[in-house]
Amino acid sequence: ANLSLCGVPFLAGFYSKDLIVELAC
């Protein structure tokens, strides 16, 4: 759960957080 929260690739949090960050860029 912690790794998913951090946005580690291929866990649940990565798919949403990374997309937000990339689109924000």
mmCIF file of all heavy atoms, coordinates in Angstrom:
data_MODEL
# 
_entry.id   MODEL 
# 
loop_
_atom_site.group_PDB 
_atom_site.id 
_atom_site.type_symbol 
_atom_site.label_atom_id 
_atom_site.label_alt_id 
_atom_site.label_comp_id 
_atom_site.label_asym_id 
_atom_site.label_entity_id 
_atom_site.label_seq_id 
_atom_site.pdbx_PDB_ins_code 
_atom_site.Cartn_x 
_atom_site.Cartn_y 
_atom_site.Cartn_z 
_atom_site.occupancy 
_atom_site.B_iso_or_equiv 
_atom_site.pdbx_formal_charge 
_atom_site.auth_seq_id 
_atom_site.auth_comp_id 
_atom_site.auth_asym_id 
_atom_site.auth_atom_id 
_atom_site.pdbx_PDB_model_num 
ATOM 1   N N   . ALA A 1 1  ? 0.834  -1.211 0.000   1.00 0.00 ? 1  ALA A N   1 
ATOM 2   C CA  . ALA A 1 1  ? 0.000  0.000  0.000   1.00 0.00 ? 1  ALA A CA  1 
ATOM 3   C C   . ALA A 1 1  ? 0.863  1.253  0.000   1.00 0.00 ? 1  ALA A C   1 
ATOM 4   O O   . ALA A 1 1  ? 0.557  2.227  -0.684  1.00 0.00 ? 1  ALA A O   1 
ATOM 5   C CB  . ALA A 1 1  ? -0.926 -0.016 1.218   1.00 0.00 ? 1  ALA A CB  1 
ATOM 6   N N   . ASN A 1 2  ? 1.962  1.231  0.764   1.00 0.00 ? 2  ASN A N   1 
ATOM 7   C CA  . ASN A 1 2  ? 2.869  2.378  0.815   1.00 0.00 ? 2  ASN A CA  1 
ATOM 8   C C   . ASN A 1 2  ? 3.533  2.644  -0.532  1.00 0.00 ? 2  ASN A C   1 
ATOM 9   O O   . ASN A 1 2  ? 3.659  3.785  -0.957  1.00 0.00 ? 2  ASN A O   1 
ATOM 10  C CB  . ASN A 1 2  ? 3.951  2.154  1.877   1.00 0.00 ? 2  ASN A CB  1 
ATOM 11  C CG  . ASN A 1 2  ? 3.597  2.804  3.199   1.00 0.00 ? 2  ASN A CG  1 
ATOM 12  O OD1 . ASN A 1 2  ? 2.897  3.803  3.248   1.00 0.00 ? 2  ASN A OD1 1 
ATOM 13  N ND2 . ASN A 1 2  ? 4.071  2.215  4.284   1.00 0.00 ? 2  ASN A ND2 1 
ATOM 14  N N   . LEU A 1 3  ? 3.953  1.567  -1.198  1.00 0.00 ? 3  LEU A N   1 
ATOM 15  C CA  . LEU A 1 3  ? 4.583  1.716  -2.511  1.00 0.00 ? 3  LEU A CA  1 
ATOM 16  C C   . LEU A 1 3  ? 3.582  2.228  -3.535  1.00 0.00 ? 3  LEU A C   1 
ATOM 17  O O   . LEU A 1 3  ? 3.919  3.045  -4.405  1.00 0.00 ? 3  LEU A O   1 
ATOM 18  C CB  . LEU A 1 3  ? 5.162  0.367  -2.973  1.00 0.00 ? 3  LEU A CB  1 
ATOM 19  C CG  . LEU A 1 3  ? 6.382  -0.142 -2.203  1.00 0.00 ? 3  LEU A CG  1 
ATOM 20  C CD1 . LEU A 1 3  ? 6.745  -1.550 -2.639  1.00 0.00 ? 3  LEU A CD1 1 
ATOM 21  C CD2 . LEU A 1 3  ? 7.569  0.781  -2.386  1.00 0.00 ? 3  LEU A CD2 1 
ATOM 22  N N   . SER A 1 4  ? 2.344  1.766  -3.416  1.00 0.00 ? 4  SER A N   1 
ATOM 23  C CA  . SER A 1 4  ? 1.291  2.246  -4.310  1.00 0.00 ? 4  SER A CA  1 
ATOM 24  C C   . SER A 1 4  ? 1.027  3.727  -4.075  1.00 0.00 ? 4  SER A C   1 
ATOM 25  O O   . SER A 1 4  ? 0.834  4.502  -5.021  1.00 0.00 ? 4  SER A O   1 
ATOM 26  C CB  . SER A 1 4  ? 0.014  1.430  -4.078  1.00 0.00 ? 4  SER A CB  1 
ATOM 27  O OG  . SER A 1 4  ? -0.965 1.744  -5.031  1.00 0.00 ? 4  SER A OG  1 
ATOM 28  N N   . LEU A 1 5  ? 1.047  4.133  -2.812  1.00 0.00 ? 5  LEU A N   1 
ATOM 29  C CA  . LEU A 1 5  ? 0.865  5.543  -2.453  1.00 0.00 ? 5  LEU A CA  1 
ATOM 30  C C   . LEU A 1 5  ? 1.986  6.409  -3.026  1.00 0.00 ? 5  LEU A C   1 
ATOM 31  O O   . LEU A 1 5  ? 1.754  7.526  -3.478  1.00 0.00 ? 5  LEU A O   1 
ATOM 32  C CB  . LEU A 1 5  ? 0.820  5.669  -0.921  1.00 0.00 ? 5  LEU A CB  1 
ATOM 33  C CG  . LEU A 1 5  ? 0.877  7.060  -0.302  1.00 0.00 ? 5  LEU A CG  1 
ATOM 34  C CD1 . LEU A 1 5  ? -0.414 7.821  -0.610  1.00 0.00 ? 5  LEU A CD1 1 
ATOM 35  C CD2 . LEU A 1 5  ? 1.067  6.977  1.202   1.00 0.00 ? 5  LEU A CD2 1 
ATOM 36  N N   . CYS A 1 6  ? 3.204  5.880  -3.004  1.00 0.00 ? 6  CYS A N   1 
ATOM 37  C CA  . CYS A 1 6  ? 4.357  6.629  -3.514  1.00 0.00 ? 6  CYS A CA  1 
ATOM 38  C C   . CYS A 1 6  ? 4.351  6.745  -5.033  1.00 0.00 ? 6  CYS A C   1 
ATOM 39  O O   . CYS A 1 6  ? 5.106  7.536  -5.597  1.00 0.00 ? 6  CYS A O   1 
ATOM 40  C CB  . CYS A 1 6  ? 5.656  5.963  -3.068  1.00 0.00 ? 6  CYS A CB  1 
ATOM 41  S SG  . CYS A 1 6  ? 5.925  6.040  -1.297  1.00 0.00 ? 6  CYS A SG  1 
ATOM 42  N N   . GLY A 1 7  ? 3.530  5.935  -5.699  1.00 0.00 ? 7  GLY A N   1 
ATOM 43  C CA  . GLY A 1 7  ? 3.482  5.976  -7.157  1.00 0.00 ? 7  GLY A CA  1 
ATOM 44  C C   . GLY A 1 7  ? 4.541  5.123  -7.817  1.00 0.00 ? 7  GLY A C   1 
ATOM 45  O O   . GLY A 1 7  ? 5.028  5.454  -8.901  1.00 0.00 ? 7  GLY A O   1 
ATOM 46  N N   . VAL A 1 8  ? 4.907  4.018  -7.155  1.00 0.00 ? 8  VAL A N   1 
ATOM 47  C CA  . VAL A 1 8  ? 5.882  3.094  -7.747  1.00 0.00 ? 8  VAL A CA  1 
ATOM 48  C C   . VAL A 1 8  ? 5.253  2.437  -8.984  1.00 0.00 ? 8  VAL A C   1 
ATOM 49  O O   . VAL A 1 8  ? 4.091  2.038  -8.943  1.00 0.00 ? 8  VAL A O   1 
ATOM 50  C CB  . VAL A 1 8  ? 6.306  2.027  -6.709  1.00 0.00 ? 8  VAL A CB  1 
ATOM 51  C CG1 . VAL A 1 8  ? 7.091  0.901  -7.358  1.00 0.00 ? 8  VAL A CG1 1 
ATOM 52  C CG2 . VAL A 1 8  ? 7.140  2.686  -5.617  1.00 0.00 ? 8  VAL A CG2 1 
ATOM 53  N N   . PRO A 1 9  ? 5.990  2.346  -10.091 1.00 0.00 ? 9  PRO A N   1 
ATOM 54  C CA  . PRO A 1 9  ? 5.412  1.855  -11.346 1.00 0.00 ? 9  PRO A CA  1 
ATOM 55  C C   . PRO A 1 9  ? 4.678  0.522  -11.231 1.00 0.00 ? 9  PRO A C   1 
ATOM 56  O O   . PRO A 1 9  ? 5.115  -0.383 -10.511 1.00 0.00 ? 9  PRO A O   1 
ATOM 57  C CB  . PRO A 1 9  ? 6.642  1.713  -12.253 1.00 0.00 ? 9  PRO A CB  1 
ATOM 58  C CG  . PRO A 1 9  ? 7.571  2.759  -11.760 1.00 0.00 ? 9  PRO A CG  1 
ATOM 59  C CD  . PRO A 1 9  ? 7.362  2.824  -10.271 1.00 0.00 ? 9  PRO A CD  1 
ATOM 60  N N   . PHE A 1 10 ? 3.539  0.479  -11.927 1.00 0.00 ? 10 PHE A N   1 
ATOM 61  C CA  . PHE A 1 10 ? 2.691  -0.697 -12.121 1.00 0.00 ? 10 PHE A CA  1 
ATOM 62  C C   . PHE A 1 10 ? 1.884  -1.108 -10.895 1.00 0.00 ? 10 PHE A C   1 
ATOM 63  O O   . PHE A 1 10 ? 1.262  -2.154 -10.889 1.00 0.00 ? 10 PHE A O   1 
ATOM 64  C CB  . PHE A 1 10 ? 3.510  -1.889 -12.655 1.00 0.00 ? 10 PHE A CB  1 
ATOM 65  C CG  . PHE A 1 10 ? 4.363  -1.506 -13.834 1.00 0.00 ? 10 PHE A CG  1 
ATOM 66  C CD1 . PHE A 1 10 ? 5.744  -1.589 -13.764 1.00 0.00 ? 10 PHE A CD1 1 
ATOM 67  C CD2 . PHE A 1 10 ? 3.791  -1.018 -14.992 1.00 0.00 ? 10 PHE A CD2 1 
ATOM 68  C CE1 . PHE A 1 10 ? 6.534  -1.198 -14.834 1.00 0.00 ? 10 PHE A CE1 1 
ATOM 69  C CE2 . PHE A 1 10 ? 4.570  -0.629 -16.073 1.00 0.00 ? 10 PHE A CE2 1 
ATOM 70  C CZ  . PHE A 1 10 ? 5.941  -0.728 -15.991 1.00 0.00 ? 10 PHE A CZ  1 
ATOM 71  N N   . LEU A 1 11 ? 1.866  -0.269 -9.863  1.00 0.00 ? 11 LEU A N   1 
ATOM 72  C CA  . LEU A 1 11 ? 0.902  -0.438 -8.784  1.00 0.00 ? 11 LEU A CA  1 
ATOM 73  C C   . LEU A 1 11 ? -0.231 0.560  -9.004  1.00 0.00 ? 11 LEU A C   1 
ATOM 74  O O   . LEU A 1 11 ? -0.143 1.450  -9.857  1.00 0.00 ? 11 LEU A O   1 
ATOM 75  C CB  . LEU A 1 11 ? 1.562  -0.232 -7.421  1.00 0.00 ? 11 LEU A CB  1 
ATOM 76  C CG  . LEU A 1 11 ? 2.635  -1.262 -7.040  1.00 0.00 ? 11 LEU A CG  1 
ATOM 77  C CD1 . LEU A 1 11 ? 3.271  -0.898 -5.705  1.00 0.00 ? 11 LEU A CD1 1 
ATOM 78  C CD2 . LEU A 1 11 ? 2.050  -2.659 -6.966  1.00 0.00 ? 11 LEU A CD2 1 
ATOM 79  N N   . ALA A 1 12 ? -1.315 0.434  -8.226  1.00 0.00 ? 12 ALA A N   1 
ATOM 80  C CA  . ALA A 1 12 ? -2.535 1.216  -8.487  1.00 0.00 ? 12 ALA A CA  1 
ATOM 81  C C   . ALA A 1 12 ? -2.292 2.720  -8.488  1.00 0.00 ? 12 ALA A C   1 
ATOM 82  O O   . ALA A 1 12 ? -2.753 3.436  -9.380  1.00 0.00 ? 12 ALA A O   1 
ATOM 83  C CB  . ALA A 1 12 ? -3.602 0.852  -7.458  1.00 0.00 ? 12 ALA A CB  1 
ATOM 84  N N   . GLY A 1 13 ? -1.544 3.216  -7.493  1.00 0.00 ? 13 GLY A N   1 
ATOM 85  C CA  . GLY A 1 13 ? -1.340 4.652  -7.380  1.00 0.00 ? 13 GLY A CA  1 
ATOM 86  C C   . GLY A 1 13 ? -0.550 5.250  -8.529  1.00 0.00 ? 13 GLY A C   1 
ATOM 87  O O   . GLY A 1 13 ? -0.713 6.418  -8.867  1.00 0.00 ? 13 GLY A O   1 
ATOM 88  N N   . PHE A 1 14 ? 0.288  4.427  -9.159  1.00 0.00 ? 14 PHE A N   1 
ATOM 89  C CA  . PHE A 1 14 ? 1.124  4.918  -10.259 1.00 0.00 ? 14 PHE A CA  1 
ATOM 90  C C   . PHE A 1 14 ? 0.277  5.377  -11.443 1.00 0.00 ? 14 PHE A C   1 
ATOM 91  O O   . PHE A 1 14 ? 0.548  6.410  -12.053 1.00 0.00 ? 14 PHE A O   1 
ATOM 92  C CB  . PHE A 1 14 ? 2.081  3.794  -10.690 1.00 0.00 ? 14 PHE A CB  1 
ATOM 93  C CG  . PHE A 1 14 ? 2.778  4.043  -11.997 1.00 0.00 ? 14 PHE A CG  1 
ATOM 94  C CD1 . PHE A 1 14 ? 3.833  4.942  -12.077 1.00 0.00 ? 14 PHE A CD1 1 
ATOM 95  C CD2 . PHE A 1 14 ? 2.383  3.370  -13.143 1.00 0.00 ? 14 PHE A CD2 1 
ATOM 96  C CE1 . PHE A 1 14 ? 4.485  5.164  -13.288 1.00 0.00 ? 14 PHE A CE1 1 
ATOM 97  C CE2 . PHE A 1 14 ? 3.026  3.595  -14.354 1.00 0.00 ? 14 PHE A CE2 1 
ATOM 98  C CZ  . PHE A 1 14 ? 4.075  4.490  -14.415 1.00 0.00 ? 14 PHE A CZ  1 
ATOM 99  N N   . TYR A 1 15 ? -0.758 4.618  -11.767 1.00 0.00 ? 15 TYR A N   1 
ATOM 100 C CA  . TYR A 1 15 ? -1.556 4.902  -12.964 1.00 0.00 ? 15 TYR A CA  1 
ATOM 101 C C   . TYR A 1 15 ? -2.286 6.238  -12.864 1.00 0.00 ? 15 TYR A C   1 
ATOM 102 O O   . TYR A 1 15 ? -2.451 6.928  -13.864 1.00 0.00 ? 15 TYR A O   1 
ATOM 103 C CB  . TYR A 1 15 ? -2.557 3.769  -13.203 1.00 0.00 ? 15 TYR A CB  1 
ATOM 104 C CG  . TYR A 1 15 ? -1.913 2.517  -13.727 1.00 0.00 ? 15 TYR A CG  1 
ATOM 105 C CD1 . TYR A 1 15 ? -1.409 1.559  -12.861 1.00 0.00 ? 15 TYR A CD1 1 
ATOM 106 C CD2 . TYR A 1 15 ? -1.778 2.306  -15.094 1.00 0.00 ? 15 TYR A CD2 1 
ATOM 107 C CE1 . TYR A 1 15 ? -0.796 0.413  -13.338 1.00 0.00 ? 15 TYR A CE1 1 
ATOM 108 C CE2 . TYR A 1 15 ? -1.155 1.166  -15.582 1.00 0.00 ? 15 TYR A CE2 1 
ATOM 109 C CZ  . TYR A 1 15 ? -0.670 0.221  -14.705 1.00 0.00 ? 15 TYR A CZ  1 
ATOM 110 O OH  . TYR A 1 15 ? -0.046 -0.905 -15.177 1.00 0.00 ? 15 TYR A OH  1 
ATOM 111 N N   . SER A 1 16 ? -2.727 6.602  -11.658 1.00 0.00 ? 16 SER A N   1 
ATOM 112 C CA  . SER A 1 16 ? -3.454 7.867  -11.510 1.00 0.00 ? 16 SER A CA  1 
ATOM 113 C C   . SER A 1 16 ? -2.504 9.025  -11.213 1.00 0.00 ? 16 SER A C   1 
ATOM 114 O O   . SER A 1 16 ? -2.589 10.081 -11.849 1.00 0.00 ? 16 SER A O   1 
ATOM 115 C CB  . SER A 1 16 ? -4.509 7.741  -10.402 1.00 0.00 ? 16 SER A CB  1 
ATOM 116 O OG  . SER A 1 16 ? -3.938 7.274  -9.201  1.00 0.00 ? 16 SER A OG  1 
ATOM 117 N N   . LYS A 1 17 ? -1.572 8.839  -10.276 1.00 0.00 ? 17 LYS A N   1 
ATOM 118 C CA  . LYS A 1 17 ? -0.686 9.944  -9.891  1.00 0.00 ? 17 LYS A CA  1 
ATOM 119 C C   . LYS A 1 17 ? 0.234  10.350 -11.035 1.00 0.00 ? 17 LYS A C   1 
ATOM 120 O O   . LYS A 1 17 ? 0.423  11.537 -11.299 1.00 0.00 ? 17 LYS A O   1 
ATOM 121 C CB  . LYS A 1 17 ? 0.165  9.551  -8.675  1.00 0.00 ? 17 LYS A CB  1 
ATOM 122 C CG  . LYS A 1 17 ? -0.550 9.683  -7.348  1.00 0.00 ? 17 LYS A CG  1 
ATOM 123 C CD  . LYS A 1 17 ? 0.353  9.371  -6.189  1.00 0.00 ? 17 LYS A CD  1 
ATOM 124 C CE  . LYS A 1 17 ? 1.251  10.523 -5.838  1.00 0.00 ? 17 LYS A CE  1 
ATOM 125 N NZ  . LYS A 1 17 ? 1.997  10.292 -4.586  1.00 0.00 ? 17 LYS A NZ  1 
ATOM 126 N N   . ASP A 1 18 ? 0.804  9.368  -11.702 1.00 0.00 ? 18 ASP A N   1 
ATOM 127 C CA  . ASP A 1 18 ? 1.754  9.679  -12.764 1.00 0.00 ? 18 ASP A CA  1 
ATOM 128 C C   . ASP A 1 18 ? 1.070  10.399 -13.927 1.00 0.00 ? 18 ASP A C   1 
ATOM 129 O O   . ASP A 1 18 ? 1.655  11.292 -14.543 1.00 0.00 ? 18 ASP A O   1 
ATOM 130 C CB  . ASP A 1 18 ? 2.425  8.394  -13.259 1.00 0.00 ? 18 ASP A CB  1 
ATOM 131 C CG  . ASP A 1 18 ? 3.785  8.648  -13.881 1.00 0.00 ? 18 ASP A CG  1 
ATOM 132 O OD1 . ASP A 1 18 ? 4.655  9.160  -13.160 1.00 0.00 ? 18 ASP A OD1 1 
ATOM 133 O OD2 . ASP A 1 18 ? 3.957  8.371  -15.074 1.00 0.00 ? 18 ASP A OD2 1 
ATOM 134 N N   . LEU A 1 19 ? -0.162 10.029 -14.190 1.00 0.00 ? 19 LEU A N   1 
ATOM 135 C CA  . LEU A 1 19 ? -0.913 10.683 -15.270 1.00 0.00 ? 19 LEU A CA  1 
ATOM 136 C C   . LEU A 1 19 ? -1.214 12.142 -14.916 1.00 0.00 ? 19 LEU A C   1 
ATOM 137 O O   . LEU A 1 19 ? -1.112 13.036 -15.756 1.00 0.00 ? 19 LEU A O   1 
ATOM 138 C CB  . LEU A 1 19 ? -2.212 9.904  -15.526 1.00 0.00 ? 19 LEU A CB  1 
ATOM 139 C CG  . LEU A 1 19 ? -2.828 10.015 -16.925 1.00 0.00 ? 19 LEU A CG  1 
ATOM 140 C CD1 . LEU A 1 19 ? -1.802 9.680  -17.997 1.00 0.00 ? 19 LEU A CD1 1 
ATOM 141 C CD2 . LEU A 1 19 ? -4.033 9.099  -17.046 1.00 0.00 ? 19 LEU A CD2 1 
ATOM 142 N N   . ILE A 1 20 ? -1.576 12.368 -13.644 1.00 0.00 ? 20 ILE A N   1 
ATOM 143 C CA  . ILE A 1 20 ? -1.818 13.750 -13.186 1.00 0.00 ? 20 ILE A CA  1 
ATOM 144 C C   . ILE A 1 20 ? -0.542 14.584 -13.315 1.00 0.00 ? 20 ILE A C   1 
ATOM 145 O O   . ILE A 1 20 ? -0.554 15.709 -13.817 1.00 0.00 ? 20 ILE A O   1 
ATOM 146 C CB  . ILE A 1 20 ? -2.328 13.761 -11.725 1.00 0.00 ? 20 ILE A CB  1 
ATOM 147 C CG1 . ILE A 1 20 ? -3.728 13.157 -11.632 1.00 0.00 ? 20 ILE A CG1 1 
ATOM 148 C CG2 . ILE A 1 20 ? -2.356 15.187 -11.169 1.00 0.00 ? 20 ILE A CG2 1 
ATOM 149 C CD1 . ILE A 1 20 ? -4.225 12.953 -10.213 1.00 0.00 ? 20 ILE A CD1 1 
ATOM 150 N N   . VAL A 1 21 ? 0.581  14.011 -12.875 1.00 0.00 ? 21 VAL A N   1 
ATOM 151 C CA  . VAL A 1 21 ? 1.858  14.727 -12.914 1.00 0.00 ? 21 VAL A CA  1 
ATOM 152 C C   . VAL A 1 21 ? 2.261  15.037 -14.355 1.00 0.00 ? 21 VAL A C   1 
ATOM 153 O O   . VAL A 1 21 ? 2.666  16.164 -14.686 1.00 0.00 ? 21 VAL A O   1 
ATOM 154 C CB  . VAL A 1 21 ? 2.961  13.894 -12.213 1.00 0.00 ? 21 VAL A CB  1 
ATOM 155 C CG1 . VAL A 1 21 ? 4.332  14.493 -12.466 1.00 0.00 ? 21 VAL A CG1 1 
ATOM 156 C CG2 . VAL A 1 21 ? 2.697  13.824 -10.723 1.00 0.00 ? 21 VAL A CG2 1 
ATOM 157 N N   . GLU A 1 22 ? 2.135  14.052 -15.253 1.00 0.00 ? 22 GLU A N   1 
ATOM 158 C CA  . GLU A 1 22 ? 2.562  14.243 -16.636 1.00 0.00 ? 22 GLU A CA  1 
ATOM 159 C C   . GLU A 1 22 ? 1.687  15.272 -17.354 1.00 0.00 ? 22 GLU A C   1 
ATOM 160 O O   . GLU A 1 22 ? 2.192  16.099 -18.111 1.00 0.00 ? 22 GLU A O   1 
ATOM 161 C CB  . GLU A 1 22 ? 2.542  12.908 -17.370 1.00 0.00 ? 22 GLU A CB  1 
ATOM 162 C CG  . GLU A 1 22 ? 3.668  11.984 -16.950 1.00 0.00 ? 22 GLU A CG  1 
ATOM 163 C CD  . GLU A 1 22 ? 3.680  10.687 -17.723 1.00 0.00 ? 22 GLU A CD  1 
ATOM 164 O OE1 . GLU A 1 22 ? 2.695  10.408 -18.437 1.00 0.00 ? 22 GLU A OE1 1 
ATOM 165 O OE2 . GLU A 1 22 ? 4.669  9.944  -17.615 1.00 0.00 ? 22 GLU A OE2 1 
ATOM 166 N N   . LEU A 1 23 ? 0.383  15.200 -17.108 1.00 0.00 ? 23 LEU A N   1 
ATOM 167 C CA  . LEU A 1 23 ? -0.503 16.182 -17.749 1.00 0.00 ? 23 LEU A CA  1 
ATOM 168 C C   . LEU A 1 23 ? -0.295 17.580 -17.155 1.00 0.00 ? 23 LEU A C   1 
ATOM 169 O O   . LEU A 1 23 ? -0.415 18.580 -17.848 1.00 0.00 ? 23 LEU A O   1 
ATOM 170 C CB  . LEU A 1 23 ? -1.965 15.747 -17.618 1.00 0.00 ? 23 LEU A CB  1 
ATOM 171 C CG  . LEU A 1 23 ? -2.374 14.579 -18.531 1.00 0.00 ? 23 LEU A CG  1 
ATOM 172 C CD1 . LEU A 1 23 ? -3.789 14.119 -18.221 1.00 0.00 ? 23 LEU A CD1 1 
ATOM 173 C CD2 . LEU A 1 23 ? -2.274 14.971 -20.002 1.00 0.00 ? 23 LEU A CD2 1 
ATOM 174 N N   . ALA A 1 24 ? 0.022  17.629 -15.842 1.00 0.00 ? 24 ALA A N   1 
ATOM 175 C CA  . ALA A 1 24 ? 0.311  18.925 -15.217 1.00 0.00 ? 24 ALA A CA  1 
ATOM 176 C C   . ALA A 1 24 ? 1.571  19.541 -15.815 1.00 0.00 ? 24 ALA A C   1 
ATOM 177 O O   . ALA A 1 24 ? 1.683  20.762 -15.936 1.00 0.00 ? 24 ALA A O   1 
ATOM 178 C CB  . ALA A 1 24 ? 0.470  18.757 -13.710 1.00 0.00 ? 24 ALA A CB  1 
ATOM 179 N N   . CYS A 1 25 ? 2.534  18.695 -16.203 1.00 0.00 ? 25 CYS A N   1 
ATOM 180 C CA  . CYS A 1 25 ? 3.769  19.182 -16.811 1.00 0.00 ? 25 CYS A CA  1 
ATOM 181 C C   . CYS A 1 25 ? 3.512  19.812 -18.180 1.00 0.00 ? 25 CYS A C   1 
ATOM 182 O O   . CYS A 1 25 ? 4.338  20.588 -18.674 1.00 0.00 ? 25 CYS A O   1 
ATOM 183 C CB  . CYS A 1 25 ? 4.777  18.045 -16.960 1.00 0.00 ? 25 CYS A CB  1 
ATOM 184 S SG  . CYS A 1 25 ? 5.501  17.515 -15.396 1.00 0.00 ? 25 CYS A SG  1 
# 
